[in-house]
Amino acid sequence: MKKPQRIRCSTDQFLNAVYSSKTYEEISEKTGQKISSTIARYSRIKKDMSNKNIALPKIFRKKQNVNSVSILRINKIIKKLKEYHNNM
């Protein structure tokens, strides 16, 4: 059984993906890396660049789909908790 090869991505390629993307998922698709590797690499590069007063664009996580049913459920939970704490 062959061991899967590690995806290699140059810093230039990674920074091009960062500047042309809004989410970590987009960056990982462009570079071929795992999302966890992308997040870790972005964090390291951002820290190094901030020490040199260079700001990288803000990258977001994939937006969750929140539907009205889950919002209603959350509101019910909040009401229950408020009632519970007010009655103590």
PDB file of N, CA and C in Angstrom:
ATOM      1  N   MET A   1       0.834  -1.172   0.000  1.00  0.00           N
ATOM      2  CA  MET A   1       0.000   0.000   0.000  1.00  0.00           C
ATOM      3  C   MET A   1       0.887   1.245   0.000  1.00  0.00           C
ATOM      4  N   LYS A   2       0.587   2.169  -0.914  1.00  0.00           N
ATOM      5  CA  LYS A   2       1.376   3.394  -1.017  1.00  0.00           C
ATOM      6  C   LYS A   2       0.916   4.419   0.001  1.00  0.00           C
ATOM      7  N   LYS A   3       1.884   5.090   0.575  1.00  0.00           N
ATOM      8  CA  LYS A   3       1.579   6.181   1.489  1.00  0.00           C
ATOM      9  C   LYS A   3       1.212   7.418   0.670  1.00  0.00           C
ATOM     10  N   PRO A   4       0.078   8.098   0.997  1.00  0.00           N
ATOM     11  CA  PRO A   4      -0.291   9.278   0.203  1.00  0.00           C
ATOM     12  C   PRO A   4       0.762  10.376   0.324  1.00  0.00           C
ATOM     13  N   GLN A   5       1.064  10.995  -0.817  1.00  0.00           N
ATOM     14  CA  GLN A   5       2.081  12.040  -0.810  1.00  0.00           C
ATOM     15  C   GLN A   5       1.503  13.339  -0.263  1.00  0.00           C
ATOM     16  N   ARG A   6       2.354  14.044   0.404  1.00  0.00           N
ATOM     17  CA  ARG A   6       1.974  15.333   0.973  1.00  0.00           C
ATOM     18  C   ARG A   6       1.835  16.362  -0.142  1.00  0.00           C
ATOM     19  N   ILE A   7       0.788  17.171  -0.062  1.00  0.00           N
ATOM     20  CA  ILE A   7       0.576  18.225  -1.053  1.00  0.00           C
ATOM     21  C   ILE A   7       1.525  19.374  -0.732  1.00  0.00           C
ATOM     22  N   ARG A   8       2.323  19.749  -1.710  1.00  0.00           N
ATOM     23  CA  ARG A   8       3.250  20.854  -1.510  1.00  0.00           C
ATOM     24  C   ARG A   8       2.712  22.095  -2.216  1.00  0.00           C
ATOM     25  N   CYS A   9       2.850  23.219  -1.542  1.00  0.00           N
ATOM     26  CA  CYS A   9       2.319  24.469  -2.067  1.00  0.00           C
ATOM     27  C   CYS A   9       3.321  25.571  -1.715  1.00  0.00           C
ATOM     28  N   SER A  10       3.757  26.304  -2.722  1.00  0.00           N
ATOM     29  CA  SER A  10       4.725  27.374  -2.462  1.00  0.00           C
ATOM     30  C   SER A  10       4.043  28.523  -1.721  1.00  0.00           C
ATOM     31  N   THR A  11       4.852  29.359  -1.099  1.00  0.00           N
ATOM     32  CA  THR A  11       4.315  30.521  -0.383  1.00  0.00           C
ATOM     33  C   THR A  11       3.632  31.470  -1.350  1.00  0.00           C
ATOM     34  N   ASP A  12       4.197  31.630  -2.551  1.00  0.00           N
ATOM     35  CA  ASP A  12       3.566  32.489  -3.562  1.00  0.00           C
ATOM     36  C   ASP A  12       2.180  31.981  -3.931  1.00  0.00           C
ATOM     37  N   GLN A  13       2.072  30.676  -4.167  1.00  0.00           N
ATOM     38  CA  GLN A  13       0.791  30.080  -4.527  1.00  0.00           C
ATOM     39  C   GLN A  13      -0.203  30.230  -3.371  1.00  0.00           C
ATOM     40  N   PHE A  14       0.277  30.028  -2.151  1.00  0.00           N
ATOM     41  CA  PHE A  14      -0.606  30.138  -0.986  1.00  0.00           C
ATOM     42  C   PHE A  14      -1.107  31.571  -0.824  1.00  0.00           C
ATOM     43  N   LEU A  15      -0.221  32.556  -0.934  1.00  0.00           N
ATOM     44  CA  LEU A  15      -0.630  33.954  -0.779  1.00  0.00           C
ATOM     45  C   LEU A  15      -1.554  34.409  -1.909  1.00  0.00           C
ATOM     46  N   ASN A  16      -1.339  33.901  -3.123  1.00  0.00           N
ATOM     47  CA  ASN A  16      -2.270  34.200  -4.217  1.00  0.00           C
ATOM     48  C   ASN A  16      -3.665  33.680  -3.886  1.00  0.00           C
ATOM     49  N   ALA A  17      -3.725  32.493  -3.317  1.00  0.00           N
ATOM     50  CA  ALA A  17      -5.014  31.915  -2.930  1.00  0.00           C
ATOM     51  C   ALA A  17      -5.653  32.718  -1.802  1.00  0.00           C
ATOM     52  N   VAL A  18      -4.838  33.190  -0.853  1.00  0.00           N
ATOM     53  CA  VAL A  18      -5.361  33.983   0.268  1.00  0.00           C
ATOM     54  C   VAL A  18      -5.976  35.280  -0.241  1.00  0.00           C
ATOM     55  N   TYR A  19      -5.273  35.978  -1.116  1.00  0.00           N
ATOM     56  CA  TYR A  19      -5.753  37.273  -1.595  1.00  0.00           C
ATOM     57  C   TYR A  19      -6.929  37.156  -2.566  1.00  0.00           C
ATOM     58  N   SER A  20      -7.161  35.965  -3.100  1.00  0.00           N
ATOM     59  CA  SER A  20      -8.277  35.802  -4.036  1.00  0.00           C
ATOM     60  C   SER A  20      -9.422  34.983  -3.436  1.00  0.00           C
ATOM     61  N   SER A  21      -9.403  34.780  -2.117  1.00  0.00           N
ATOM     62  CA  SER A  21     -10.431  33.963  -1.466  1.00  0.00           C
ATOM     63  C   SER A  21     -11.008  34.680  -0.256  1.00  0.00           C
ATOM     64  N   LYS A  22     -12.189  34.219   0.157  1.00  0.00           N
ATOM     65  CA  LYS A  22     -12.823  34.781   1.350  1.00  0.00           C
ATOM     66  C   LYS A  22     -12.935  33.766   2.476  1.00  0.00           C
ATOM     67  N   THR A  23     -12.845  32.472   2.145  1.00  0.00           N
ATOM     68  CA  THR A  23     -12.973  31.439   3.172  1.00  0.00           C
ATOM     69  C   THR A  23     -11.771  30.493   3.127  1.00  0.00           C
ATOM     70  N   TYR A  24     -11.560  29.800   4.255  1.00  0.00           N
ATOM     71  CA  TYR A  24     -10.486  28.805   4.306  1.00  0.00           C
ATOM     72  C   TYR A  24     -10.746  27.684   3.303  1.00  0.00           C
ATOM     73  N   GLU A  25     -12.019  27.356   3.102  1.00  0.00           N
ATOM     74  CA  GLU A  25     -12.363  26.292   2.171  1.00  0.00           C
ATOM     75  C   GLU A  25     -11.924  26.635   0.747  1.00  0.00           C
ATOM     76  N   GLU A  26     -12.125  27.883   0.338  1.00  0.00           N
ATOM     77  CA  GLU A  26     -11.694  28.308  -0.996  1.00  0.00           C
ATOM     78  C   GLU A  26     -10.182  28.211  -1.135  1.00  0.00           C
ATOM     79  N   ILE A  27      -9.468  28.631  -0.102  1.00  0.00           N
ATOM     80  CA  ILE A  27      -7.998  28.558  -0.137  1.00  0.00           C
ATOM     81  C   ILE A  27      -7.545  27.116  -0.265  1.00  0.00           C
ATOM     82  N   SER A  28      -8.138  26.222   0.530  1.00  0.00           N
ATOM     83  CA  SER A  28      -7.717  24.820   0.500  1.00  0.00           C
ATOM     84  C   SER A  28      -8.025  24.172  -0.849  1.00  0.00           C
ATOM     85  N   GLU A  29      -9.124  24.570  -1.496  1.00  0.00           N
ATOM     86  CA  GLU A  29      -9.430  24.049  -2.828  1.00  0.00           C
ATOM     87  C   GLU A  29      -8.389  24.522  -3.846  1.00  0.00           C
ATOM     88  N   LYS A  30      -7.975  25.771  -3.736  1.00  0.00           N
ATOM     89  CA  LYS A  30      -7.009  26.325  -4.692  1.00  0.00           C
ATOM     90  C   LYS A  30      -5.609  25.763  -4.494  1.00  0.00           C
ATOM     91  N   THR A  31      -5.255  25.442  -3.247  1.00  0.00           N
ATOM     92  CA  THR A  31      -3.903  24.959  -2.974  1.00  0.00           C
ATOM     93  C   THR A  31      -3.809  23.440  -2.918  1.00  0.00           C
ATOM     94  N   GLY A  32      -4.950  22.772  -2.743  1.00  0.00           N
ATOM     95  CA  GLY A  32      -4.945  21.313  -2.646  1.00  0.00           C
ATOM     96  C   GLY A  32      -4.643  20.808  -1.250  1.00  0.00           C
ATOM     97  N   GLN A  33      -4.578  21.686  -0.277  1.00  0.00           N
ATOM     98  CA  GLN A  33      -4.284  21.295   1.103  1.00  0.00           C
ATOM     99  C   GLN A  33      -5.568  20.972   1.861  1.00  0.00           C
ATOM    100  N   LYS A  34      -5.397  20.317   3.013  1.00  0.00           N
ATOM    101  CA  LYS A  34      -6.533  20.099   3.905  1.00  0.00           C
ATOM    102  C   LYS A  34      -6.888  21.436   4.551  1.00  0.00           C
ATOM    103  N   ILE A  35      -8.144  21.560   4.985  1.00  0.00           N
ATOM    104  CA  ILE A  35      -8.579  22.811   5.614  1.00  0.00           C
ATOM    105  C   ILE A  35      -7.780  23.077   6.886  1.00  0.00           C
ATOM    106  N   SER A  36      -7.522  22.031   7.668  1.00  0.00           N
ATOM    107  CA  SER A  36      -6.763  22.229   8.916  1.00  0.00           C
ATOM    108  C   SER A  36      -5.351  22.730   8.631  1.00  0.00           C
ATOM    109  N   SER A  37      -4.737  22.227   7.576  1.00  0.00           N
ATOM    110  CA  SER A  37      -3.395  22.692   7.191  1.00  0.00           C
ATOM    111  C   SER A  37      -3.447  24.139   6.726  1.00  0.00           C
ATOM    112  N   THR A  38      -4.502  24.477   5.995  1.00  0.00           N
ATOM    113  CA  THR A  38      -4.673  25.841   5.498  1.00  0.00           C
ATOM    114  C   THR A  38      -4.826  26.823   6.653  1.00  0.00           C
ATOM    115  N   ILE A  39      -5.661  26.472   7.633  1.00  0.00           N
ATOM    116  CA  ILE A  39      -5.878  27.347   8.795  1.00  0.00           C
ATOM    117  C   ILE A  39      -4.578  27.537   9.563  1.00  0.00           C
ATOM    118  N   ALA A  40      -3.844  26.463   9.779  1.00  0.00           N
ATOM    119  CA  ALA A  40      -2.587  26.544  10.529  1.00  0.00           C
ATOM    120  C   ALA A  40      -1.557  27.392   9.771  1.00  0.00           C
ATOM    121  N   ARG A  41      -1.454  27.185   8.476  1.00  0.00           N
ATOM    122  CA  ARG A  41      -0.476  27.942   7.685  1.00  0.00           C
ATOM    123  C   ARG A  41      -0.838  29.424   7.639  1.00  0.00           C
ATOM    124  N   TYR A  42      -2.123  29.727   7.456  1.00  0.00           N
ATOM    125  CA  TYR A  42      -2.567  31.116   7.440  1.00  0.00           C
ATOM    126  C   TYR A  42      -2.230  31.787   8.767  1.00  0.00           C
ATOM    127  N   SER A  43      -2.461  31.074   9.855  1.00  0.00           N
ATOM    128  CA  SER A  43      -2.182  31.609  11.188  1.00  0.00           C
ATOM    129  C   SER A  43      -0.701  31.927  11.361  1.00  0.00           C
ATOM    130  N   ARG A  44       0.162  31.004  10.924  1.00  0.00           N
ATOM    131  CA  ARG A  44       1.612  31.230  11.037  1.00  0.00           C
ATOM    132  C   ARG A  44       2.053  32.420  10.193  1.00  0.00           C
ATOM    133  N   ILE A  45       1.579  32.485   8.952  1.00  0.00           N
ATOM    134  CA  ILE A  45       1.977  33.574   8.062  1.00  0.00           C
ATOM    135  C   ILE A  45       1.435  34.904   8.572  1.00  0.00           C
ATOM    136  N   LYS A  46       0.201  34.903   9.063  1.00  0.00           N
ATOM    137  CA  LYS A  46      -0.399  36.136   9.582  1.00  0.00           C
ATOM    138  C   LYS A  46       0.395  36.653  10.780  1.00  0.00           C
ATOM    139  N   LYS A  47       0.828  35.753  11.652  1.00  0.00           N
ATOM    140  CA  LYS A  47       1.621  36.152  12.824  1.00  0.00           C
ATOM    141  C   LYS A  47       2.959  36.761  12.378  1.00  0.00           C
ATOM    142  N   ASP A  48       3.626  36.111  11.425  1.00  0.00           N
ATOM    143  CA  ASP A  48       4.903  36.625  10.930  1.00  0.00           C
ATOM    144  C   ASP A  48       4.735  37.992  10.267  1.00  0.00           C
ATOM    145  N   MET A  49       3.676  38.136   9.481  1.00  0.00           N
ATOM    146  CA  MET A  49       3.444  39.398   8.773  1.00  0.00           C
ATOM    147  C   MET A  49       3.036  40.517   9.731  1.00  0.00           C
ATOM    148  N   SER A  50       2.278  40.192  10.768  1.00  0.00           N
ATOM    149  CA  SER A  50       1.873  41.232  11.720  1.00  0.00           C
ATOM    150  C   SER A  50       3.070  41.759  12.493  1.00  0.00           C
ATOM    151  N   ASN A  51       4.094  40.924  12.707  1.00  0.00           N
ATOM    152  CA  ASN A  51       5.322  41.386  13.340  1.00  0.00           C
ATOM    153  C   ASN A  51       6.048  42.402  12.464  1.00  0.00           C
ATOM    154  N   LYS A  52       5.783  42.345  11.148  1.00  0.00           N
ATOM    155  CA  LYS A  52       6.400  43.279  10.197  1.00  0.00           C
ATOM    156  C   LYS A  52       5.420  44.362   9.761  1.00  0.00           C
ATOM    157  N   ASN A  53       4.303  44.477  10.486  1.00  0.00           N
ATOM    158  CA  ASN A  53       3.247  45.476  10.216  1.00  0.00           C
ATOM    159  C   ASN A  53       2.636  45.346   8.820  1.00  0.00           C
ATOM    160  N   ILE A  54       2.471  44.108   8.367  1.00  0.00           N
ATOM    161  CA  ILE A  54       1.806  43.832   7.097  1.00  0.00           C
ATOM    162  C   ILE A  54       0.526  43.061   7.416  1.00  0.00           C
ATOM    163  N   ALA A  55      -0.608  43.611   6.989  1.00  0.00           N
ATOM    164  CA  ALA A  55      -1.887  42.977   7.297  1.00  0.00           C
ATOM    165  C   ALA A  55      -2.332  42.077   6.146  1.00  0.00           C
ATOM    166  N   LEU A  56      -2.768  40.880   6.491  1.00  0.00           N
ATOM    167  CA  LEU A  56      -3.357  39.974   5.504  1.00  0.00           C
ATOM    168  C   LEU A  56      -4.871  40.168   5.513  1.00  0.00           C
ATOM    169  N   PRO A  57      -5.540  39.826   4.412  1.00  0.00           N
ATOM    170  CA  PRO A  57      -7.005  39.957   4.407  1.00  0.00           C
ATOM    171  C   PRO A  57      -7.637  38.995   5.409  1.00  0.00           C
ATOM    172  N   LYS A  58      -8.781  39.400   5.957  1.00  0.00           N
ATOM    173  CA  LYS A  58      -9.486  38.558   6.914  1.00  0.00           C
ATOM    174  C   LYS A  58     -10.141  37.401   6.170  1.00  0.00           C
ATOM    175  N   ILE A  59      -9.933  36.197   6.691  1.00  0.00           N
ATOM    176  CA  ILE A  59     -10.487  34.990   6.088  1.00  0.00           C
ATOM    177  C   ILE A  59     -11.556  34.434   7.034  1.00  0.00           C
ATOM    178  N   PHE A  60     -12.653  33.985   6.462  1.00  0.00           N
ATOM    179  CA  PHE A  60     -13.771  33.502   7.257  1.00  0.00           C
ATOM    180  C   PHE A  60     -13.894  31.988   7.148  1.00  0.00           C
ATOM    181  N   ARG A  61     -14.519  31.414   8.157  1.00  0.00           N
ATOM    182  CA  ARG A  61     -14.872  29.997   8.081  1.00  0.00           C
ATOM    183  C   ARG A  61     -16.116  29.875   7.224  1.00  0.00           C
ATOM    184  N   LYS A  62     -16.394  28.675   6.784  1.00  0.00           N
ATOM    185  CA  LYS A  62     -17.582  28.457   5.966  1.00  0.00           C
ATOM    186  C   LYS A  62     -18.822  28.851   6.754  1.00  0.00           C
ATOM    187  N   LYS A  63     -19.678  29.623   6.133  1.00  0.00           N
ATOM    188  CA  LYS A  63     -20.880  30.105   6.804  1.00  0.00           C
ATOM    189  C   LYS A  63     -21.846  28.947   7.038  1.00  0.00           C
ATOM    190  N   GLN A  64     -22.358  28.848   8.261  1.00  0.00           N
ATOM    191  CA  GLN A  64     -23.305  27.796   8.582  1.00  0.00           C
ATOM    192  C   GLN A  64     -24.685  28.173   8.073  1.00  0.00           C
ATOM    193  N   ASN A  65     -25.427  27.172   7.682  1.00  0.00           N
ATOM    194  CA  ASN A  65     -26.798  27.391   7.256  1.00  0.00           C
ATOM    195  C   ASN A  65     -27.698  27.344   8.485  1.00  0.00           C
ATOM    196  N   VAL A  66     -28.186  28.498   8.888  1.00  0.00           N
ATOM    197  CA  VAL A  66     -29.087  28.585  10.029  1.00  0.00           C
ATOM    198  C   VAL A  66     -30.479  28.834   9.467  1.00  0.00           C
ATOM    199  N   ASN A  67     -31.358  27.891   9.707  1.00  0.00           N
ATOM    200  CA  ASN A  67     -32.708  28.069   9.185  1.00  0.00           C
ATOM    201  C   ASN A  67     -33.635  28.570  10.288  1.00  0.00           C
ATOM    202  N   SER A  68     -34.830  28.914   9.916  1.00  0.00           N
ATOM    203  CA  SER A  68     -35.766  29.506  10.876  1.00  0.00           C
ATOM    204  C   SER A  68     -36.171  28.518  11.966  1.00  0.00           C
ATOM    205  N   VAL A  69     -36.160  27.217  11.674  1.00  0.00           N
ATOM    206  CA  VAL A  69     -36.525  26.221  12.680  1.00  0.00           C
ATOM    207  C   VAL A  69     -35.504  26.219  13.816  1.00  0.00           C
ATOM    208  N   SER A  70     -34.228  26.268  13.488  1.00  0.00           N
ATOM    209  CA  SER A  70     -33.209  26.264  14.538  1.00  0.00           C
ATOM    210  C   SER A  70     -33.228  27.569  15.326  1.00  0.00           C
ATOM    211  N   ILE A  71     -33.562  28.675  14.674  1.00  0.00           N
ATOM    212  CA  ILE A  71     -33.656  29.955  15.381  1.00  0.00           C
ATOM    213  C   ILE A  71     -34.811  29.920  16.368  1.00  0.00           C
ATOM    214  N   LEU A  72     -35.931  29.345  15.962  1.00  0.00           N
ATOM    215  CA  LEU A  72     -37.067  29.209  16.880  1.00  0.00           C
ATOM    216  C   LEU A  72     -36.707  28.326  18.067  1.00  0.00           C
ATOM    217  N   ARG A  73     -35.989  27.246  17.807  1.00  0.00           N
ATOM    218  CA  ARG A  73     -35.561  26.345  18.873  1.00  0.00           C
ATOM    219  C   ARG A  73     -34.629  27.067  19.850  1.00  0.00           C
ATOM    220  N   ILE A  74     -33.720  27.869  19.321  1.00  0.00           N
ATOM    221  CA  ILE A  74     -32.792  28.630  20.161  1.00  0.00           C
ATOM    222  C   ILE A  74     -33.560  29.631  21.020  1.00  0.00           C
ATOM    223  N   ASN A  75     -34.553  30.304  20.414  1.00  0.00           N
ATOM    224  CA  ASN A  75     -35.360  31.264  21.173  1.00  0.00           C
ATOM    225  C   ASN A  75     -36.106  30.591  22.322  1.00  0.00           C
ATOM    226  N   LYS A  76     -36.631  29.394  22.102  1.00  0.00           N
ATOM    227  CA  LYS A  76     -37.333  28.657  23.165  1.00  0.00           C
ATOM    228  C   LYS A  76     -36.377  28.336  24.312  1.00  0.00           C
ATOM    229  N   ILE A  77     -35.179  27.916  23.965  1.00  0.00           N
ATOM    230  CA  ILE A  77     -34.181  27.584  24.989  1.00  0.00           C
ATOM    231  C   ILE A  77     -33.838  28.826  25.802  1.00  0.00           C
ATOM    232  N   ILE A  78     -33.660  29.947  25.134  1.00  0.00           N
ATOM    233  CA  ILE A  78     -33.324  31.195  25.824  1.00  0.00           C
ATOM    234  C   ILE A  78     -34.444  31.603  26.773  1.00  0.00           C
ATOM    235  N   LYS A  79     -35.683  31.493  26.316  1.00  0.00           N
ATOM    236  CA  LYS A  79     -36.824  31.839  27.176  1.00  0.00           C
ATOM    237  C   LYS A  79     -36.878  30.949  28.414  1.00  0.00           C
ATOM    238  N   LYS A  80     -36.653  29.644  28.225  1.00  0.00           N
ATOM    239  CA  LYS A  80     -36.652  28.706  29.357  1.00  0.00           C
ATOM    240  C   LYS A  80     -35.569  29.078  30.371  1.00  0.00           C
ATOM    241  N   LEU A  81     -34.392  29.386  29.852  1.00  0.00           N
ATOM    242  CA  LEU A  81     -33.280  29.727  30.742  1.00  0.00           C
ATOM    243  C   LEU A  81     -33.547  31.027  31.493  1.00  0.00           C
ATOM    244  N   LYS A  82     -34.117  32.020  30.815  1.00  0.00           N
ATOM    245  CA  LYS A  82     -34.442  33.284  31.483  1.00  0.00           C
ATOM    246  C   LYS A  82     -35.472  33.061  32.586  1.00  0.00           C
ATOM    247  N   GLU A  83     -36.508  32.284  32.286  1.00  0.00           N
ATOM    248  CA  GLU A  83     -37.540  31.989  33.283  1.00  0.00           C
ATOM    249  C   GLU A  83     -36.930  31.264  34.475  1.00  0.00           C
ATOM    250  N   TYR A  84     -36.083  30.301  34.203  1.00  0.00           N
ATOM    251  CA  TYR A  84     -35.463  29.520  35.267  1.00  0.00           C
ATOM    252  C   TYR A  84     -34.628  30.428  36.188  1.00  0.00           C
ATOM    253  N   HIS A  85     -33.828  31.297  35.573  1.00  0.00           N
ATOM    254  CA  HIS A  85     -32.940  32.158  36.366  1.00  0.00           C
ATOM    255  C   HIS A  85     -33.707  33.275  37.073  1.00  0.00           C
ATOM    256  N   ASN A  86     -34.800  33.718  36.496  1.00  0.00           N
ATOM    257  CA  ASN A  86     -35.623  34.745  37.144  1.00  0.00           C
ATOM    258  C   ASN A  86     -36.399  34.189  38.332  1.00  0.00           C
ATOM    259  N   ASN A  87     -36.705  32.902  38.310  1.00  0.00           N
ATOM    260  CA  ASN A  87     -37.464  32.265  39.399  1.00  0.00           C
ATOM    261  C   ASN A  87     -36.584  31.794  40.542  1.00  0.00           C
ATOM    262  N   MET A  88     -35.314  31.920  40.418  1.00  0.00           N
ATOM    263  CA  MET A  88     -34.398  31.436  41.469  1.00  0.00           C
ATOM    264  C   MET A  88     -34.398  32.377  42.653  1.00  0.00           C
TER     265      MET A  88
END
